[in-house]
């Protein structure tokens, strides 16, 4: 295992259980605005900025009309955010088993922990309040609206490095459950790019994405230090 100063974790599907609330919210609000989406199309945007993902769907529906694209994107995004907040409130929010223990294990070794997500700040804060993760659990939380471009761009990871004063990207571990998570890690040049099988994408999908290791869940991360590999 390489020397690591910071581990950046995705949220839904990686550190927070994904019960299908996100694709259901996409599907519901897009259909309400006359935009039909396939399961494959929804899978392709898992891990992306939610506003950017909605804009892509809107652009296909209203090609060549920038004003209408902007108007529809903001309206649908607002509806998506409200729908998702109500869905989480009804169903509750639960961590991936072992996530908090992994955070504690890393902190015990002076390794910083950051969350990064395609959610905006409102939804992110809702999730963190519900699950009870504060500064004692994570050193930084970077949201989709904190950066100019979401995954697969590397900016969420770079902003997490800035927020935690980590300067060597080869000493960063990136952890996520989607192809876009792993593409962002590759684009950032992280030292360890870890895919987890607890979320949106399958083993077959993640194997085709750039990665250094694939594991079942974040609960297995401490064991990587004892493998003697890297």
Protein backbone atom coordinates (compact mmCIF):
# COMPACT_ATOMS: atom_id res chain seq x y z
CA UNK A 1 0.00 0.00 0.00
CA UNK A 2 1.29 3.44 -0.93
CA UNK A 3 1.66 6.21 1.63
CA UNK A 4 -1.73 7.93 1.87
CA UNK A 5 -2.52 11.34 3.41
CA UNK A 6 -6.16 11.67 2.33
CA UNK A 7 -9.01 9.37 1.36
CA UNK A 8 -11.86 10.90 -0.66
CA UNK A 9 -15.14 8.98 -0.52
CA UNK A 10 -18.23 9.30 -2.67
CA UNK A 11 -21.49 9.34 -0.70
CA UNK A 12 -24.58 7.51 -2.09
CA UNK A 13 -23.65 3.90 -2.80
CA UNK A 14 -20.18 4.23 -1.31
CA UNK A 15 -20.57 5.45 2.28
CA UNK A 16 -24.39 5.82 2.41
CA UNK A 17 -26.74 3.01 1.46
CA UNK A 18 -28.35 3.51 -1.94
CA UNK A 19 -31.93 2.21 -1.95
CA UNK A 20 -32.65 3.55 -5.44
CA UNK A 21 -33.85 6.99 -4.33
CA UNK A 22 -31.68 8.88 -6.81
CA UNK A 23 -32.73 7.16 -10.07
CA UNK A 24 -36.33 7.13 -8.87
CA UNK A 25 -36.21 10.88 -8.29
CA UNK A 26 -34.63 11.45 -11.72
CA UNK A 27 -37.22 9.30 -13.43
CA UNK A 28 -40.20 10.85 -11.66
CA UNK A 29 -39.36 14.51 -12.16
CA UNK A 30 -38.13 14.10 -15.74
CA UNK A 31 -41.30 12.24 -16.71
CA UNK A 32 -43.37 14.97 -15.07
CA UNK A 33 -41.69 17.40 -17.48
CA UNK A 34 -42.27 15.19 -20.52
CA UNK A 35 -38.78 13.69 -20.68
CA UNK A 36 -38.57 9.91 -20.80
CA UNK A 37 -35.30 8.27 -19.74
CA UNK A 38 -34.12 4.67 -19.94
CA UNK A 39 -32.51 2.69 -17.14
CA UNK A 40 -29.28 2.63 -19.13
CA UNK A 41 -29.33 6.42 -19.48
CA UNK A 42 -29.85 6.81 -15.73
CA UNK A 43 -27.01 4.41 -14.94
CA UNK A 44 -24.70 6.39 -17.21
CA UNK A 45 -25.06 9.55 -15.08
CA UNK A 46 -24.64 7.90 -11.68
CA UNK A 47 -21.87 9.76 -9.89
CA UNK A 48 -22.29 12.90 -11.98
CA UNK A 49 -23.33 16.33 -10.79
CA UNK A 50 -27.10 16.09 -10.53
CA UNK A 51 -27.64 19.50 -12.14
CA UNK A 52 -25.28 18.60 -15.00
CA UNK A 53 -27.02 15.25 -15.49
CA UNK A 54 -30.42 16.92 -15.72
CA UNK A 55 -29.05 19.46 -18.17
CA UNK A 56 -27.85 16.66 -20.46
CA UNK A 57 -31.33 15.13 -20.56
CA UNK A 58 -32.91 18.53 -21.15
CA UNK A 59 -30.49 19.34 -23.98
CA UNK A 60 -31.60 16.21 -25.82
CA UNK A 61 -35.24 17.24 -25.42
CA UNK A 62 -34.82 20.93 -26.31
CA UNK A 63 -31.89 20.99 -28.76
CA UNK A 64 -30.66 24.37 -29.93
CA UNK A 65 -32.69 26.53 -27.50
CA UNK A 66 -30.30 27.76 -24.77
CA UNK A 67 -32.90 29.87 -22.98
CA UNK A 68 -35.36 26.99 -22.72
CA UNK A 69 -32.58 24.60 -21.72
CA UNK A 70 -31.55 26.89 -18.84
CA UNK A 71 -35.14 27.40 -17.69
CA UNK A 72 -36.07 23.74 -17.84
CA UNK A 73 -32.84 22.62 -16.18
CA UNK A 74 -33.31 24.85 -13.15
CA UNK A 75 -36.98 23.98 -12.80
CA UNK A 76 -36.38 20.24 -13.03
CA UNK A 77 -33.36 20.39 -10.73
CA UNK A 78 -35.41 22.19 -8.08
CA UNK A 79 -38.15 19.55 -8.38
CA UNK A 80 -35.54 16.76 -8.23
CA UNK A 81 -34.01 18.17 -5.08
CA UNK A 82 -37.40 18.50 -3.36
CA UNK A 83 -38.46 14.99 -4.41
CA UNK A 84 -35.21 13.45 -3.22
CA UNK A 85 -35.34 15.26 0.13
CA UNK A 86 -38.86 13.91 0.75
CA UNK A 87 -37.80 10.43 -0.33
CA UNK A 88 -34.89 10.39 2.10
CA UNK A 89 -37.11 11.79 4.86
CA UNK A 90 -39.64 8.98 4.33
CA UNK A 91 -37.18 6.12 4.01
CA UNK A 92 -34.45 7.29 6.32
CA UNK A 93 -30.73 7.43 5.66
CA UNK A 94 -28.37 4.65 6.67
CA UNK A 95 -24.58 4.33 6.36
CA UNK A 96 -22.84 1.53 4.54
CA UNK A 97 -21.96 -0.97 7.28
CA UNK A 98 -18.43 -0.30 8.47
CA UNK A 99 -18.16 3.19 6.94
CA UNK A 100 -17.85 5.11 10.21
CA UNK A 101 -15.44 2.52 11.60
CA UNK A 102 -13.28 2.97 8.49
CA UNK A 103 -13.28 6.75 9.01
CA UNK A 104 -12.19 6.22 12.62
CA UNK A 105 -9.47 3.77 11.60
CA UNK A 106 -8.07 6.27 9.09
CA UNK A 107 -8.17 9.13 11.59
CA UNK A 108 -6.32 6.93 14.06
CA UNK A 109 -3.48 6.81 11.55
CA UNK A 110 -3.52 10.57 10.88
CA UNK A 111 -5.10 10.05 7.44
CA UNK A 112 -7.65 12.69 6.52
CA UNK A 113 -11.14 11.83 5.32
CA UNK A 114 -13.20 13.78 2.80
CA UNK A 115 -16.61 13.18 1.26
CA UNK A 116 -17.30 14.33 -2.29
CA UNK A 117 -20.59 14.07 -4.12
CA UNK A 118 -22.63 15.08 -7.12
CA UNK A 119 -25.36 16.29 -4.75
CA UNK A 120 -25.73 20.00 -4.08
CA UNK A 121 -25.07 21.42 -0.61
CA UNK A 122 -28.72 21.29 0.50
CA UNK A 123 -29.13 17.55 -0.12
CA UNK A 124 -25.65 16.82 1.23
CA UNK A 125 -26.34 18.64 4.49
CA UNK A 126 -29.66 16.81 4.81
CA UNK A 127 -27.90 13.45 4.47
CA UNK A 128 -25.14 14.33 6.92
CA UNK A 129 -27.60 15.60 9.53
CA UNK A 130 -29.70 12.46 9.17
CA UNK A 131 -26.74 10.16 9.54
CA UNK A 132 -24.99 12.17 12.24
CA UNK A 133 -21.64 12.69 10.55
CA UNK A 134 -19.94 15.92 11.55
CA UNK A 135 -16.38 17.30 11.71
CA UNK A 136 -15.38 14.49 14.06
CA UNK A 137 -16.15 11.99 11.27
CA UNK A 138 -14.99 13.80 8.14
CA UNK A 139 -12.45 16.57 7.59
CA UNK A 140 -14.09 18.05 4.49
CA UNK A 141 -17.28 17.72 2.44
CA UNK A 142 -17.18 18.83 -1.21
CA UNK A 143 -20.44 19.12 -3.18
CA UNK A 144 -21.31 19.34 -6.85
CA UNK A 145 -22.05 23.06 -6.56
CA UNK A 146 -18.58 23.73 -5.09
CA UNK A 147 -16.77 23.06 -8.37
CA UNK A 148 -17.09 24.34 -11.96
CA UNK A 149 -17.53 20.82 -13.38
CA UNK A 150 -18.49 17.50 -11.84
CA UNK A 151 -17.16 14.02 -12.50
CA UNK A 152 -15.39 12.74 -14.53
CA UNK A 153 -13.53 16.03 -14.07
CA UNK A 154 -11.09 15.79 -11.14
CA UNK A 155 -12.14 19.02 -9.44
CA UNK A 156 -14.05 17.46 -6.51
CA UNK A 157 -10.87 15.62 -5.55
CA UNK A 158 -8.67 18.68 -6.01
CA UNK A 159 -11.04 20.78 -3.88
CA UNK A 160 -10.93 18.11 -1.16
CA UNK A 161 -7.12 18.28 -1.25
CA UNK A 162 -7.27 22.05 -0.93
CA UNK A 163 -9.72 21.85 1.98
CA UNK A 164 -7.52 19.38 3.87
CA UNK A 165 -4.15 20.95 2.96
CA UNK A 166 -2.96 17.82 1.16
CA UNK A 167 -0.58 18.73 -1.67
CA UNK A 168 0.57 15.43 -3.18
CA UNK A 169 -2.10 13.80 -5.32
CA UNK A 170 -0.12 10.56 -5.46
CA UNK A 171 -0.79 10.30 -1.70
CA UNK A 172 -4.57 10.49 -2.19
CA UNK A 173 -6.89 7.49 -2.29
CA UNK A 174 -10.18 7.93 -4.17
CA UNK A 175 -13.10 5.59 -3.38
CA UNK A 176 -16.39 5.33 -5.31
CA UNK A 177 -19.07 3.01 -6.61
CA UNK A 178 -19.48 4.33 -10.17
CA UNK A 179 -17.50 4.49 -13.39
CA UNK A 180 -17.52 8.30 -13.17
CA UNK A 181 -16.04 8.14 -9.65
CA UNK A 182 -13.14 6.06 -10.97
CA UNK A 183 -12.70 8.20 -14.06
CA UNK A 184 -12.44 11.27 -11.82
CA UNK A 185 -9.77 9.54 -9.74
CA UNK A 186 -7.83 8.62 -12.87
CA UNK A 187 -8.09 12.17 -14.21
CA UNK A 188 -6.85 13.52 -10.88
CA UNK A 189 -3.86 11.16 -10.88
CA UNK A 190 -4.54 9.69 -7.42
CA UNK A 191 -2.19 7.11 -5.95
CA UNK A 192 -4.98 4.62 -5.21
CA UNK A 193 -8.27 4.51 -7.14
CA UNK A 194 -10.66 2.11 -5.40
CA UNK A 195 -13.98 0.87 -6.75
CA UNK A 196 -16.56 -0.53 -4.32
CA UNK A 197 -19.35 -2.95 -5.24
CA UNK A 198 -21.88 -1.61 -2.74
CA UNK A 199 -23.62 0.84 -5.06
CA UNK A 200 -24.79 1.73 -8.54
CA UNK A 201 -22.39 -0.12 -10.83
CA UNK A 202 -21.58 -3.80 -11.19
CA UNK A 203 -18.25 -5.60 -11.09
CA UNK A 204 -18.27 -5.85 -14.88
CA UNK A 205 -18.84 -2.10 -15.26
CA UNK A 206 -16.17 -1.13 -12.73
CA UNK A 207 -13.63 -3.56 -14.17
CA UNK A 208 -13.78 -1.59 -17.43
CA UNK A 209 -13.07 1.70 -15.64
CA UNK A 210 -9.58 2.81 -14.57
CA UNK A 211 -8.85 1.50 -11.07
CA UNK A 212 -6.14 0.11 -8.86
CA UNK A 213 -8.38 -2.22 -6.83
CA UNK A 214 -12.01 -3.33 -6.57
CA UNK A 215 -13.42 -4.31 -3.17
CA UNK A 216 -16.82 -5.20 -1.77
CA UNK A 217 -17.28 -2.12 0.40
CA UNK A 218 -15.51 0.62 2.32
CA UNK A 219 -15.42 -1.71 5.33
CA UNK A 220 -12.52 -3.52 3.61
CA UNK A 221 -10.31 -0.44 3.27
CA UNK A 222 -8.32 -0.93 6.52
CA UNK A 223 -7.37 -4.42 5.34
CA UNK A 224 -5.64 -2.93 2.29
CA UNK A 225 -2.87 -1.64 4.56
CA UNK A 226 -2.04 -5.17 5.68
CA UNK A 227 -1.89 -6.67 2.20
CA UNK A 228 1.71 -5.65 1.61
CA UNK A 229 0.95 -4.68 -1.97
CA UNK A 230 1.14 -1.36 -3.82
